[in-house]
């Protein structure tokens, strides 16, 4: 087995033991109760839209794996869940398959199992147009994710050390592809300054990928002979990143919230701060590794039920209504947000 395949399997093993503590930034978000919601559970809709694509659920199975023979079965099971519950799905970084065609089946299995589904290909910001095009063609993708993972690369023993030219390459890929391009962080969050730069080059869908889920700094430290634990709290949480996105604005933009989403109520909290969809990666990985397919499907059904319960209690018919729902931000999230001049009182009084 080559070094890249070993690394992919290391990532899976290490990811299973990070991001599992019960508390995260979503606990600093709460709703104002509505005793007269004037809503019916049966009339709630989970439909949403990202990257000009209509989704029947706000839950996405987000990028996590592929690129080693041992990952094919994981992606197959994830794709079956996506097919059976009509979820969008992204594969993990395809850079490995672009360098080694022998592992392409670990990605192609997803389209075979989910032939009519919405799938997203995935490359790094170092990719060329040719590599991005090949990644899309490999799984007949409906869109492309370009991931940003600077801190992970810096902590990875064999990782990149030069991050010049990212914006230019993202722009070139966007201008030459026929499918929508999503730029995503892998768990270190995104500040308004970065969001504004991406907007300036025409990116209209961003996955803010905040801290709170799988901790890729910790994942890499677990692989290293010389770990740097002080970087394991690097970056913004998912909620902080959504507040940053709010500060920029939502005109013509759609946001995906990934990192620490645990259940249906977290989905609605993310929607209240402007997310059109949420990505679940680590939670899904633990699910498919530990539970039967039937149990996995039941869990997704529970999450969908929880979303509808929260929507009904808040008087919402669709997730877009969450953007008008009063929401309170407290705790450490509020402290840090005020340092960034976020107007939290407006969210609580809307």
C-alpha atoms as a PDB file:
ATOM      1  CA  UNK A   1       0.000   0.000   0.000  1.00  0.00           C
ATOM      2  CA  UNK A   2       1.461   3.416  -0.981  1.00  0.00           C
ATOM      3  CA  UNK A   3       1.894   6.362   1.392  1.00  0.00           C
ATOM      4  CA  UNK A   4      -1.186   8.208   0.146  1.00  0.00           C
ATOM      5  CA  UNK A   5      -3.444   5.200   0.772  1.00  0.00           C
ATOM      6  CA  UNK A   6      -1.969   4.746   4.239  1.00  0.00           C
ATOM      7  CA  UNK A   7      -2.598   8.434   4.936  1.00  0.00           C
ATOM      8  CA  UNK A   8      -6.253   8.149   3.835  1.00  0.00           C
ATOM      9  CA  UNK A   9      -6.832   5.203   6.160  1.00  0.00           C
ATOM     10  CA  UNK A  10      -5.031   7.014   8.996  1.00  0.00           C
ATOM     11  CA  UNK A  11      -7.390   9.951   8.500  1.00  0.00           C
ATOM     12  CA  UNK A  12     -10.427   7.700   8.853  1.00  0.00           C
ATOM     13  CA  UNK A  13      -9.137   6.006  12.011  1.00  0.00           C
ATOM     14  CA  UNK A  14      -8.178   9.305  13.619  1.00  0.00           C
ATOM     15  CA  UNK A  15     -11.346  11.130  12.540  1.00  0.00           C
ATOM     16  CA  UNK A  16     -13.449   8.558  14.358  1.00  0.00           C
ATOM     17  CA  UNK A  17     -12.055   9.715  17.700  1.00  0.00           C
ATOM     18  CA  UNK A  18     -12.116  13.499  17.196  1.00  0.00           C
ATOM     19  CA  UNK A  19     -15.048  15.891  17.346  1.00  0.00           C
ATOM     20  CA  UNK A  20     -17.113  13.669  19.591  1.00  0.00           C
ATOM     21  CA  UNK A  21     -17.461  15.822  22.719  1.00  0.00           C
ATOM     22  CA  UNK A  22     -21.074  16.646  23.400  1.00  0.00           C
ATOM     23  CA  UNK A  23     -20.752  20.448  23.603  1.00  0.00           C
ATOM     24  CA  UNK A  24     -19.865  22.836  20.798  1.00  0.00           C
ATOM     25  CA  UNK A  25     -20.701  26.309  19.490  1.00  0.00           C
ATOM     26  CA  UNK A  26     -24.243  25.294  18.540  1.00  0.00           C
ATOM     27  CA  UNK A  27     -24.993  25.243  22.279  1.00  0.00           C
ATOM     28  CA  UNK A  28     -24.457  29.029  22.341  1.00  0.00           C
ATOM     29  CA  UNK A  29     -27.441  29.429  19.995  1.00  0.00           C
ATOM     30  CA  UNK A  30     -31.030  29.359  21.253  1.00  0.00           C
ATOM     31  CA  UNK A  31     -34.439  30.364  19.965  1.00  0.00           C
ATOM     32  CA  UNK A  32     -37.099  32.669  21.354  1.00  0.00           C
ATOM     33  CA  UNK A  33     -40.075  30.351  22.033  1.00  0.00           C
ATOM     34  CA  UNK A  34     -43.240  30.860  20.003  1.00  0.00           C
ATOM     35  CA  UNK A  35     -46.365  29.797  21.904  1.00  0.00           C
ATOM     36  CA  UNK A  36     -48.605  30.679  18.931  1.00  0.00           C
ATOM     37  CA  UNK A  37     -46.708  29.331  15.929  1.00  0.00           C
ATOM     38  CA  UNK A  38     -49.759  29.014  13.652  1.00  0.00           C
ATOM     39  CA  UNK A  39     -48.033  26.127  11.853  1.00  0.00           C
ATOM     40  CA  UNK A  40     -48.657  22.458  11.095  1.00  0.00           C
ATOM     41  CA  UNK A  41     -46.021  19.715  11.179  1.00  0.00           C
ATOM     42  CA  UNK A  42     -47.485  18.158   8.020  1.00  0.00           C
ATOM     43  CA  UNK A  43     -46.998  21.402   6.078  1.00  0.00           C
ATOM     44  CA  UNK A  44     -43.291  21.803   6.791  1.00  0.00           C
ATOM     45  CA  UNK A  45     -40.938  21.422   3.832  1.00  0.00           C
ATOM     46  CA  UNK A  46     -37.291  20.373   3.937  1.00  0.00           C
ATOM     47  CA  UNK A  47     -36.596  21.565   0.384  1.00  0.00           C
ATOM     48  CA  UNK A  48     -33.697  23.944  -0.067  1.00  0.00           C
ATOM     49  CA  UNK A  49     -31.309  25.208  -2.748  1.00  0.00           C
ATOM     50  CA  UNK A  50     -27.527  25.484  -3.011  1.00  0.00           C
ATOM     51  CA  UNK A  51     -25.344  26.222  -6.030  1.00  0.00           C
ATOM     52  CA  UNK A  52     -28.474  26.524  -8.209  1.00  0.00           C
ATOM     53  CA  UNK A  53     -29.368  22.940  -7.311  1.00  0.00           C
ATOM     54  CA  UNK A  54     -32.641  22.023  -5.616  1.00  0.00           C
ATOM     55  CA  UNK A  55     -32.243  19.640  -2.660  1.00  0.00           C
ATOM     56  CA  UNK A  56     -35.035  17.712  -0.944  1.00  0.00           C
ATOM     57  CA  UNK A  57     -33.148  17.801   2.378  1.00  0.00           C
ATOM     58  CA  UNK A  58     -30.844  20.389   3.957  1.00  0.00           C
ATOM     59  CA  UNK A  59     -28.581  17.562   5.160  1.00  0.00           C
ATOM     60  CA  UNK A  60     -25.603  16.817   2.921  1.00  0.00           C
ATOM     61  CA  UNK A  61     -23.248  13.898   3.388  1.00  0.00           C
ATOM     62  CA  UNK A  62     -20.112  15.976   3.187  1.00  0.00           C
ATOM     63  CA  UNK A  63     -16.650  15.180   1.901  1.00  0.00           C
ATOM     64  CA  UNK A  64     -14.705  12.686   3.966  1.00  0.00           C
ATOM     65  CA  UNK A  65     -13.091   9.781   2.166  1.00  0.00           C
ATOM     66  CA  UNK A  66     -11.907   7.899  -0.921  1.00  0.00           C
ATOM     67  CA  UNK A  67      -8.496   7.323  -2.402  1.00  0.00           C
ATOM     68  CA  UNK A  68      -7.620   3.968  -0.845  1.00  0.00           C
ATOM     69  CA  UNK A  69      -8.945   0.474  -1.446  1.00  0.00           C
ATOM     70  CA  UNK A  70     -10.197   0.293   2.128  1.00  0.00           C
ATOM     71  CA  UNK A  71     -12.463   3.317   1.610  1.00  0.00           C
ATOM     72  CA  UNK A  72     -14.576   1.913  -1.208  1.00  0.00           C
ATOM     73  CA  UNK A  73     -17.020   0.144   1.111  1.00  0.00           C
ATOM     74  CA  UNK A  74     -17.408   3.259   3.253  1.00  0.00           C
ATOM     75  CA  UNK A  75     -18.299   5.400   0.243  1.00  0.00           C
ATOM     76  CA  UNK A  76     -20.637   2.686  -1.006  1.00  0.00           C
ATOM     77  CA  UNK A  77     -22.592   2.649   2.255  1.00  0.00           C
ATOM     78  CA  UNK A  78     -22.700   6.448   2.377  1.00  0.00           C
ATOM     79  CA  UNK A  79     -23.989   6.526  -1.203  1.00  0.00           C
ATOM     80  CA  UNK A  80     -26.727   4.020  -0.384  1.00  0.00           C
ATOM     81  CA  UNK A  81     -27.856   6.202   2.531  1.00  0.00           C
ATOM     82  CA  UNK A  82     -27.814   9.239   0.227  1.00  0.00           C
ATOM     83  CA  UNK A  83     -29.867   7.355  -2.363  1.00  0.00           C
ATOM     84  CA  UNK A  84     -32.417   5.950   0.078  1.00  0.00           C
ATOM     85  CA  UNK A  85     -33.016   9.309   1.798  1.00  0.00           C
ATOM     86  CA  UNK A  86     -32.403  11.499  -1.260  1.00  0.00           C
ATOM     87  CA  UNK A  87     -29.461  13.397   0.233  1.00  0.00           C
ATOM     88  CA  UNK A  88     -26.791  15.276  -1.682  1.00  0.00           C
ATOM     89  CA  UNK A  89     -23.316  13.839  -1.182  1.00  0.00           C
ATOM     90  CA  UNK A  90     -19.735  14.975  -1.688  1.00  0.00           C
ATOM     91  CA  UNK A  91     -16.779  12.622  -1.980  1.00  0.00           C
ATOM     92  CA  UNK A  92     -13.454  13.212  -0.262  1.00  0.00           C
ATOM     93  CA  UNK A  93     -10.537  14.828  -2.043  1.00  0.00           C
ATOM     94  CA  UNK A  94      -9.974  13.158  -5.407  1.00  0.00           C
ATOM     95  CA  UNK A  95      -6.389  14.341  -5.723  1.00  0.00           C
ATOM     96  CA  UNK A  96      -5.257  10.823  -4.799  1.00  0.00           C
ATOM     97  CA  UNK A  97      -7.158   9.286  -7.724  1.00  0.00           C
ATOM     98  CA  UNK A  98      -5.932  11.959 -10.109  1.00  0.00           C
ATOM     99  CA  UNK A  99      -2.394  10.840  -9.259  1.00  0.00           C
ATOM    100  CA  UNK A 100      -3.153   7.107  -9.001  1.00  0.00           C
ATOM    101  CA  UNK A 101      -5.943   5.771 -11.274  1.00  0.00           C
ATOM    102  CA  UNK A 102      -5.946   2.468  -9.343  1.00  0.00           C
ATOM    103  CA  UNK A 103      -8.058   4.078  -6.582  1.00  0.00           C
ATOM    104  CA  UNK A 104     -10.654   5.773  -8.794  1.00  0.00           C
ATOM    105  CA  UNK A 105     -13.224   3.073  -8.019  1.00  0.00           C
ATOM    106  CA  UNK A 106     -13.324   4.215  -4.386  1.00  0.00           C
ATOM    107  CA  UNK A 107     -14.986   7.370  -5.760  1.00  0.00           C
ATOM    108  CA  UNK A 108     -16.879   6.009  -8.770  1.00  0.00           C
ATOM    109  CA  UNK A 109     -18.787   3.619  -6.526  1.00  0.00           C
ATOM    110  CA  UNK A 110     -20.766   6.635  -5.295  1.00  0.00           C
ATOM    111  CA  UNK A 111     -22.304   7.397  -8.698  1.00  0.00           C
ATOM    112  CA  UNK A 112     -22.995   3.719  -9.329  1.00  0.00           C
ATOM    113  CA  UNK A 113     -24.955   3.464  -6.087  1.00  0.00           C
ATOM    114  CA  UNK A 114     -26.636   6.876  -6.407  1.00  0.00           C
ATOM    115  CA  UNK A 115     -27.188   7.227 -10.164  1.00  0.00           C
ATOM    116  CA  UNK A 116     -29.828   9.984  -9.999  1.00  0.00           C
ATOM    117  CA  UNK A 117     -28.487  11.855  -6.983  1.00  0.00           C
ATOM    118  CA  UNK A 118     -26.781  15.198  -6.566  1.00  0.00           C
ATOM    119  CA  UNK A 119     -23.062  14.545  -6.126  1.00  0.00           C
ATOM    120  CA  UNK A 120     -20.150  16.904  -5.613  1.00  0.00           C
ATOM    121  CA  UNK A 121     -16.607  16.222  -6.730  1.00  0.00           C
ATOM    122  CA  UNK A 122     -13.740  17.485  -4.571  1.00  0.00           C
ATOM    123  CA  UNK A 123     -10.253  18.835  -5.232  1.00  0.00           C
ATOM    124  CA  UNK A 124      -7.787  21.048  -3.405  1.00  0.00           C
ATOM    125  CA  UNK A 125      -7.086  24.671  -4.273  1.00  0.00           C
ATOM    126  CA  UNK A 126      -3.784  23.545  -5.787  1.00  0.00           C
ATOM    127  CA  UNK A 127      -5.663  21.730  -8.580  1.00  0.00           C
ATOM    128  CA  UNK A 128      -5.433  22.660 -12.242  1.00  0.00           C
ATOM    129  CA  UNK A 129      -8.431  23.089 -14.532  1.00  0.00           C
ATOM    130  CA  UNK A 130      -7.614  19.718 -16.084  1.00  0.00           C
ATOM    131  CA  UNK A 131      -7.607  18.010 -12.679  1.00  0.00           C
ATOM    132  CA  UNK A 132     -10.851  19.712 -11.641  1.00  0.00           C
ATOM    133  CA  UNK A 133     -12.503  18.638 -14.899  1.00  0.00           C
ATOM    134  CA  UNK A 134     -11.274  15.064 -14.463  1.00  0.00           C
ATOM    135  CA  UNK A 135     -12.618  14.961 -10.896  1.00  0.00           C
ATOM    136  CA  UNK A 136     -16.069  16.061 -12.072  1.00  0.00           C
ATOM    137  CA  UNK A 137     -16.068  13.537 -14.920  1.00  0.00           C
ATOM    138  CA  UNK A 138     -14.885  10.735 -12.630  1.00  0.00           C
ATOM    139  CA  UNK A 139     -18.187  10.695 -10.708  1.00  0.00           C
ATOM    140  CA  UNK A 140     -20.390  12.583 -13.213  1.00  0.00           C
ATOM    141  CA  UNK A 141     -20.686  15.277 -10.559  1.00  0.00           C
ATOM    142  CA  UNK A 142     -23.347  17.988 -10.414  1.00  0.00           C
ATOM    143  CA  UNK A 143     -20.904  20.417  -8.828  1.00  0.00           C
ATOM    144  CA  UNK A 144     -17.344  20.763  -7.584  1.00  0.00           C
ATOM    145  CA  UNK A 145     -16.050  21.476  -4.102  1.00  0.00           C
ATOM    146  CA  UNK A 146     -12.655  23.161  -3.830  1.00  0.00           C
ATOM    147  CA  UNK A 147     -11.391  22.624  -0.322  1.00  0.00           C
ATOM    148  CA  UNK A 148      -9.193  24.924   1.750  1.00  0.00           C
ATOM    149  CA  UNK A 149      -7.148  23.273   4.505  1.00  0.00           C
ATOM    150  CA  UNK A 150      -4.094  25.415   5.187  1.00  0.00           C
ATOM    151  CA  UNK A 151      -3.568  24.449   8.830  1.00  0.00           C
ATOM    152  CA  UNK A 152      -4.098  20.755   8.103  1.00  0.00           C
ATOM    153  CA  UNK A 153      -1.467  20.884   5.348  1.00  0.00           C
ATOM    154  CA  UNK A 154       0.993  22.697   7.608  1.00  0.00           C
ATOM    155  CA  UNK A 155       0.609  20.058  10.323  1.00  0.00           C
ATOM    156  CA  UNK A 156       0.664  17.154   7.874  1.00  0.00           C
ATOM    157  CA  UNK A 157       4.221  15.760   7.743  1.00  0.00           C
ATOM    158  CA  UNK A 158       4.021  15.444   3.944  1.00  0.00           C
ATOM    159  CA  UNK A 159       1.679  18.418   3.458  1.00  0.00           C
ATOM    160  CA  UNK A 160       1.925  21.526   1.294  1.00  0.00           C
ATOM    161  CA  UNK A 161       3.857  24.548   2.497  1.00  0.00           C
ATOM    162  CA  UNK A 162       3.134  27.020  -0.322  1.00  0.00           C
ATOM    163  CA  UNK A 163      -0.362  28.519  -0.588  1.00  0.00           C
ATOM    164  CA  UNK A 164       0.270  31.245  -3.125  1.00  0.00           C
ATOM    165  CA  UNK A 165      -2.091  31.648  -6.066  1.00  0.00           C
ATOM    166  CA  UNK A 166      -5.151  30.003  -4.497  1.00  0.00           C
ATOM    167  CA  UNK A 167      -7.625  32.722  -5.512  1.00  0.00           C
ATOM    168  CA  UNK A 168      -6.317  32.820  -9.061  1.00  0.00           C
ATOM    169  CA  UNK A 169      -6.614  29.038  -9.445  1.00  0.00           C
ATOM    170  CA  UNK A 170     -10.125  28.990  -7.963  1.00  0.00           C
ATOM    171  CA  UNK A 171     -11.173  31.705 -10.413  1.00  0.00           C
ATOM    172  CA  UNK A 172      -9.649  29.854 -13.361  1.00  0.00           C
ATOM    173  CA  UNK A 173     -11.429  26.628 -12.417  1.00  0.00           C
ATOM    174  CA  UNK A 174     -14.747  28.448 -11.931  1.00  0.00           C
ATOM    175  CA  UNK A 175     -14.462  30.112 -15.346  1.00  0.00           C
ATOM    176  CA  UNK A 176     -13.687  26.865 -17.159  1.00  0.00           C
ATOM    177  CA  UNK A 177     -16.106  24.381 -15.582  1.00  0.00           C
ATOM    178  CA  UNK A 178     -19.699  23.784 -16.657  1.00  0.00           C
ATOM    179  CA  UNK A 179     -20.864  22.904 -13.126  1.00  0.00           C
ATOM    180  CA  UNK A 180     -21.245  25.120 -10.035  1.00  0.00           C
ATOM    181  CA  UNK A 181     -18.164  25.578  -7.853  1.00  0.00           C
ATOM    182  CA  UNK A 182     -18.362  25.515  -4.057  1.00  0.00           C
ATOM    183  CA  UNK A 183     -15.422  26.643  -1.947  1.00  0.00           C
ATOM    184  CA  UNK A 184     -15.246  24.904   1.416  1.00  0.00           C
ATOM    185  CA  UNK A 185     -13.158  25.049   4.558  1.00  0.00           C
ATOM    186  CA  UNK A 186     -12.355  21.691   6.149  1.00  0.00           C
ATOM    187  CA  UNK A 187     -12.892  22.634   9.787  1.00  0.00           C
ATOM    188  CA  UNK A 188     -11.018  25.828  10.618  1.00  0.00           C
ATOM    189  CA  UNK A 189     -13.843  28.225   9.793  1.00  0.00           C
ATOM    190  CA  UNK A 190     -13.945  31.227   7.527  1.00  0.00           C
ATOM    191  CA  UNK A 191     -13.675  34.945   8.276  1.00  0.00           C
ATOM    192  CA  UNK A 192     -15.606  37.669   6.475  1.00  0.00           C
ATOM    193  CA  UNK A 193     -12.388  38.869   4.831  1.00  0.00           C
ATOM    194  CA  UNK A 194     -11.926  35.497   3.114  1.00  0.00           C
ATOM    195  CA  UNK A 195     -15.604  35.331   2.169  1.00  0.00           C
ATOM    196  CA  UNK A 196     -15.389  38.789   0.586  1.00  0.00           C
ATOM    197  CA  UNK A 197     -12.359  37.769  -1.492  1.00  0.00           C
ATOM    198  CA  UNK A 198     -14.222  34.713  -2.786  1.00  0.00           C
ATOM    199  CA  UNK A 199     -17.286  36.822  -3.589  1.00  0.00           C
ATOM    200  CA  UNK A 200     -15.097  39.255  -5.552  1.00  0.00           C
ATOM    201  CA  UNK A 201     -14.075  36.471  -7.949  1.00  0.00           C
ATOM    202  CA  UNK A 202     -17.661  35.318  -8.394  1.00  0.00           C
ATOM    203  CA  UNK A 203     -17.962  32.411  -5.965  1.00  0.00           C
ATOM    204  CA  UNK A 204     -21.587  32.239  -4.868  1.00  0.00           C
ATOM    205  CA  UNK A 205     -21.666  29.104  -2.683  1.00  0.00           C
ATOM    206  CA  UNK A 206     -19.391  28.736   0.331  1.00  0.00           C
ATOM    207  CA  UNK A 207     -19.152  25.984   2.930  1.00  0.00           C
ATOM    208  CA  UNK A 208     -17.853  27.812   6.003  1.00  0.00           C
ATOM    209  CA  UNK A 209     -16.574  24.513   7.494  1.00  0.00           C
ATOM    210  CA  UNK A 210     -16.009  25.578  11.102  1.00  0.00           C
ATOM    211  CA  UNK A 211     -14.328  24.081  14.134  1.00  0.00           C
ATOM    212  CA  UNK A 212     -16.534  21.765  16.198  1.00  0.00           C
ATOM    213  CA  UNK A 213     -16.656  18.573  14.183  1.00  0.00           C
ATOM    214  CA  UNK A 214     -13.739  16.460  12.968  1.00  0.00           C
ATOM    215  CA  UNK A 215     -10.585  18.229  14.123  1.00  0.00           C
ATOM    216  CA  UNK A 216      -8.086  17.869  11.288  1.00  0.00           C
ATOM    217  CA  UNK A 217      -5.346  19.563  13.280  1.00  0.00           C
ATOM    218  CA  UNK A 218      -5.754  16.808  15.855  1.00  0.00           C
ATOM    219  CA  UNK A 219      -6.012  14.175  13.121  1.00  0.00           C
ATOM    220  CA  UNK A 220      -2.643  15.231  11.712  1.00  0.00           C
ATOM    221  CA  UNK A 221      -1.055  15.562  15.150  1.00  0.00           C
ATOM    222  CA  UNK A 222      -2.020  11.953  15.824  1.00  0.00           C
ATOM    223  CA  UNK A 223      -0.049  10.951  12.728  1.00  0.00           C
ATOM    224  CA  UNK A 224       3.006  13.042  13.519  1.00  0.00           C
ATOM    225  CA  UNK A 225       6.168  12.185  15.423  1.00  0.00           C
ATOM    226  CA  UNK A 226       6.368  15.868  16.369  1.00  0.00           C
ATOM    227  CA  UNK A 227       2.776  17.005  17.109  1.00  0.00           C
ATOM    228  CA  UNK A 228       1.891  20.668  17.652  1.00  0.00           C
ATOM    229  CA  UNK A 229      -1.118  20.462  19.973  1.00  0.00           C
ATOM    230  CA  UNK A 230      -1.342  24.255  20.384  1.00  0.00           C
ATOM    231  CA  UNK A 231      -2.929  24.460  16.919  1.00  0.00           C
ATOM    232  CA  UNK A 232      -5.834  22.135  17.692  1.00  0.00           C
ATOM    233  CA  UNK A 233      -8.062  25.088  18.675  1.00  0.00           C
ATOM    234  CA  UNK A 234      -7.161  27.073  15.557  1.00  0.00           C
ATOM    235  CA  UNK A 235      -9.818  28.986  13.668  1.00  0.00           C
ATOM    236  CA  UNK A 236     -13.484  29.926  13.954  1.00  0.00           C
ATOM    237  CA  UNK A 237     -16.284  27.613  15.028  1.00  0.00           C
ATOM    238  CA  UNK A 238     -19.146  26.920  12.646  1.00  0.00           C
ATOM    239  CA  UNK A 239     -21.437  29.408  14.391  1.00  0.00           C
ATOM    240  CA  UNK A 240     -18.733  32.092  14.434  1.00  0.00           C
ATOM    241  CA  UNK A 241     -18.207  31.489  10.710  1.00  0.00           C
ATOM    242  CA  UNK A 242     -21.927  31.867   9.995  1.00  0.00           C
ATOM    243  CA  UNK A 243     -21.907  35.157  11.905  1.00  0.00           C
ATOM    244  CA  UNK A 244     -18.975  36.246   9.739  1.00  0.00           C
ATOM    245  CA  UNK A 245     -21.032  35.350   6.666  1.00  0.00           C
ATOM    246  CA  UNK A 246     -23.941  37.365   8.062  1.00  0.00           C
ATOM    247  CA  UNK A 247     -21.665  40.381   8.366  1.00  0.00           C
ATOM    248  CA  UNK A 248     -20.859  40.094   4.659  1.00  0.00           C
ATOM    249  CA  UNK A 249     -24.464  39.559   3.565  1.00  0.00           C
ATOM    250  CA  UNK A 250     -26.504  36.985   1.704  1.00  0.00           C
ATOM    251  CA  UNK A 251     -27.431  38.773  -1.516  1.00  0.00           C
ATOM    252  CA  UNK A 252     -26.811  36.254  -4.281  1.00  0.00           C
ATOM    253  CA  UNK A 253     -24.952  33.954  -1.875  1.00  0.00           C
ATOM    254  CA  UNK A 254     -25.713  30.565  -0.368  1.00  0.00           C
ATOM    255  CA  UNK A 255     -23.872  29.106   2.608  1.00  0.00           C
ATOM    256  CA  UNK A 256     -23.374  25.569   3.850  1.00  0.00           C
ATOM    257  CA  UNK A 257     -22.607  24.975   7.533  1.00  0.00           C
ATOM    258  CA  UNK A 258     -20.311  22.037   8.262  1.00  0.00           C
ATOM    259  CA  UNK A 259     -18.604  21.223  11.546  1.00  0.00           C
ATOM    260  CA  UNK A 260     -20.261  19.908  14.682  1.00  0.00           C
ATOM    261  CA  UNK A 261     -23.827  19.418  13.408  1.00  0.00           C
ATOM    262  CA  UNK A 262     -25.220  16.729  15.715  1.00  0.00           C
ATOM    263  CA  UNK A 263     -28.982  16.586  15.176  1.00  0.00           C
ATOM    264  CA  UNK A 264     -32.009  18.256  13.612  1.00  0.00           C
ATOM    265  CA  UNK A 265     -32.125  21.217  15.994  1.00  0.00           C
ATOM    266  CA  UNK A 266     -28.557  22.145  14.996  1.00  0.00           C
ATOM    267  CA  UNK A 267     -29.709  22.171  11.366  1.00  0.00           C
ATOM    268  CA  UNK A 268     -32.393  24.753  12.156  1.00  0.00           C
ATOM    269  CA  UNK A 269     -29.943  26.804  14.231  1.00  0.00           C
ATOM    270  CA  UNK A 270     -27.599  26.906  11.238  1.00  0.00           C
ATOM    271  CA  UNK A 271     -30.492  27.916   8.975  1.00  0.00           C
ATOM    272  CA  UNK A 272     -31.408  30.747  11.359  1.00  0.00           C
ATOM    273  CA  UNK A 273     -27.934  32.187  10.748  1.00  0.00           C
ATOM    274  CA  UNK A 274     -28.194  31.951   6.988  1.00  0.00           C
ATOM    275  CA  UNK A 275     -27.171  28.405   6.048  1.00  0.00           C
ATOM    276  CA  UNK A 276     -29.123  26.884   3.168  1.00  0.00           C
ATOM    277  CA  UNK A 277     -27.782  23.408   3.976  1.00  0.00           C
ATOM    278  CA  UNK A 278     -25.584  21.645   6.503  1.00  0.00           C
ATOM    279  CA  UNK A 279     -22.793  19.193   5.869  1.00  0.00           C
ATOM    280  CA  UNK A 280     -22.373  16.139   8.064  1.00  0.00           C
ATOM    281  CA  UNK A 281     -19.099  14.254   7.686  1.00  0.00           C
ATOM    282  CA  UNK A 282     -17.659  12.955  10.963  1.00  0.00           C
ATOM    283  CA  UNK A 283     -21.112  12.126  12.342  1.00  0.00           C
ATOM    284  CA  UNK A 284     -21.903  10.177   9.164  1.00  0.00           C
ATOM    285  CA  UNK A 285     -18.554   8.402   9.212  1.00  0.00           C
ATOM    286  CA  UNK A 286     -19.072   7.232  12.792  1.00  0.00           C
ATOM    287  CA  UNK A 287     -22.594   6.160  11.881  1.00  0.00           C
ATOM    288  CA  UNK A 288     -21.613   3.968   8.920  1.00  0.00           C
ATOM    289  CA  UNK A 289     -18.653   2.472  10.778  1.00  0.00           C
ATOM    290  CA  UNK A 290     -20.650   1.514  13.867  1.00  0.00           C
ATOM    291  CA  UNK A 291     -24.241   0.902  12.769  1.00  0.00           C
ATOM    292  CA  UNK A 292     -26.119  -1.290  10.293  1.00  0.00           C
ATOM    293  CA  UNK A 293     -27.563   0.271   7.150  1.00  0.00           C
ATOM    294  CA  UNK A 294     -31.060   0.084   8.644  1.00  0.00           C
ATOM    295  CA  UNK A 295     -29.912   1.892  11.783  1.00  0.00           C
ATOM    296  CA  UNK A 296     -28.201   4.544   9.686  1.00  0.00           C
ATOM    297  CA  UNK A 297     -31.395   5.187   7.729  1.00  0.00           C
ATOM    298  CA  UNK A 298     -33.407   5.370  10.950  1.00  0.00           C
ATOM    299  CA  UNK A 299     -30.993   7.965  12.306  1.00  0.00           C
ATOM    300  CA  UNK A 300     -31.393  10.140   9.198  1.00  0.00           C
ATOM    301  CA  UNK A 301     -35.177   9.809   9.582  1.00  0.00           C
ATOM    302  CA  UNK A 302     -34.845  10.988  13.203  1.00  0.00           C
ATOM    303  CA  UNK A 303     -32.806  13.993  12.138  1.00  0.00           C
ATOM    304  CA  UNK A 304     -35.441  14.939   9.559  1.00  0.00           C
ATOM    305  CA  UNK A 305     -38.176  14.543  12.172  1.00  0.00           C
ATOM    306  CA  UNK A 306     -36.260  16.781  14.595  1.00  0.00           C
ATOM    307  CA  UNK A 307     -35.905  19.483  11.925  1.00  0.00           C
ATOM    308  CA  UNK A 308     -39.661  19.448  11.359  1.00  0.00           C
ATOM    309  CA  UNK A 309     -40.390  19.565  15.099  1.00  0.00           C
ATOM    310  CA  UNK A 310     -38.213  22.670  15.495  1.00  0.00           C
ATOM    311  CA  UNK A 311     -39.693  24.299  12.393  1.00  0.00           C
ATOM    312  CA  UNK A 312     -43.257  23.712  13.568  1.00  0.00           C
ATOM    313  CA  UNK A 313     -42.544  25.026  17.074  1.00  0.00           C
ATOM    314  CA  UNK A 314     -41.063  28.196  15.575  1.00  0.00           C
ATOM    315  CA  UNK A 315     -43.898  28.763  13.103  1.00  0.00           C
ATOM    316  CA  UNK A 316     -41.880  27.922   9.989  1.00  0.00           C
ATOM    317  CA  UNK A 317     -43.051  26.246   6.799  1.00  0.00           C
ATOM    318  CA  UNK A 318     -39.712  26.243   4.991  1.00  0.00           C
ATOM    319  CA  UNK A 319     -36.114  26.555   6.128  1.00  0.00           C
ATOM    320  CA  UNK A 320     -35.832  29.972   4.517  1.00  0.00           C
ATOM    321  CA  UNK A 321     -38.248  31.220   7.195  1.00  0.00           C
ATOM    322  CA  UNK A 322     -35.517  30.635   9.765  1.00  0.00           C
ATOM    323  CA  UNK A 323     -33.746  33.788   8.581  1.00  0.00           C
ATOM    324  CA  UNK A 324     -36.601  35.836  10.094  1.00  0.00           C
ATOM    325  CA  UNK A 325     -36.736  33.914  13.380  1.00  0.00           C
ATOM    326  CA  UNK A 326     -35.334  35.592  16.523  1.00  0.00           C
ATOM    327  CA  UNK A 327     -32.190  33.812  17.649  1.00  0.00           C
ATOM    328  CA  UNK A 328     -29.996  34.478  20.677  1.00  0.00           C
ATOM    329  CA  UNK A 329     -26.205  34.080  20.729  1.00  0.00           C
ATOM    330  CA  UNK A 330     -24.584  33.763  24.141  1.00  0.00           C
ATOM    331  CA  UNK A 331     -21.462  32.435  25.863  1.00  0.00           C
ATOM    332  CA  UNK A 332     -17.987  32.400  24.363  1.00  0.00           C
ATOM    333  CA  UNK A 333     -19.456  32.735  20.868  1.00  0.00           C
ATOM    334  CA  UNK A 334     -21.061  36.065  21.833  1.00  0.00           C
ATOM    335  CA  UNK A 335     -17.856  37.305  23.462  1.00  0.00           C
ATOM    336  CA  UNK A 336     -15.792  36.611  20.367  1.00  0.00           C
ATOM    337  CA  UNK A 337     -18.482  37.875  17.975  1.00  0.00           C
ATOM    338  CA  UNK A 338     -18.611  41.254  19.696  1.00  0.00           C
ATOM    339  CA  UNK A 339     -14.869  41.651  19.216  1.00  0.00           C
ATOM    340  CA  UNK A 340     -15.647  41.313  15.501  1.00  0.00           C
ATOM    341  CA  UNK A 341     -18.411  43.978  15.808  1.00  0.00           C
ATOM    342  CA  UNK A 342     -21.290  41.562  15.199  1.00  0.00           C
ATOM    343  CA  UNK A 343     -24.746  43.023  15.915  1.00  0.00           C
ATOM    344  CA  UNK A 344     -26.119  40.164  18.018  1.00  0.00           C
ATOM    345  CA  UNK A 345     -29.014  42.189  19.447  1.00  0.00           C
ATOM    346  CA  UNK A 346     -30.497  42.557  15.965  1.00  0.00           C
ATOM    347  CA  UNK A 347     -30.623  38.769  15.605  1.00  0.00           C
ATOM    348  CA  UNK A 348     -32.449  38.438  18.923  1.00  0.00           C
ATOM    349  CA  UNK A 349     -35.014  41.128  18.080  1.00  0.00           C
ATOM    350  CA  UNK A 350     -35.852  40.340  14.448  1.00  0.00           C
END
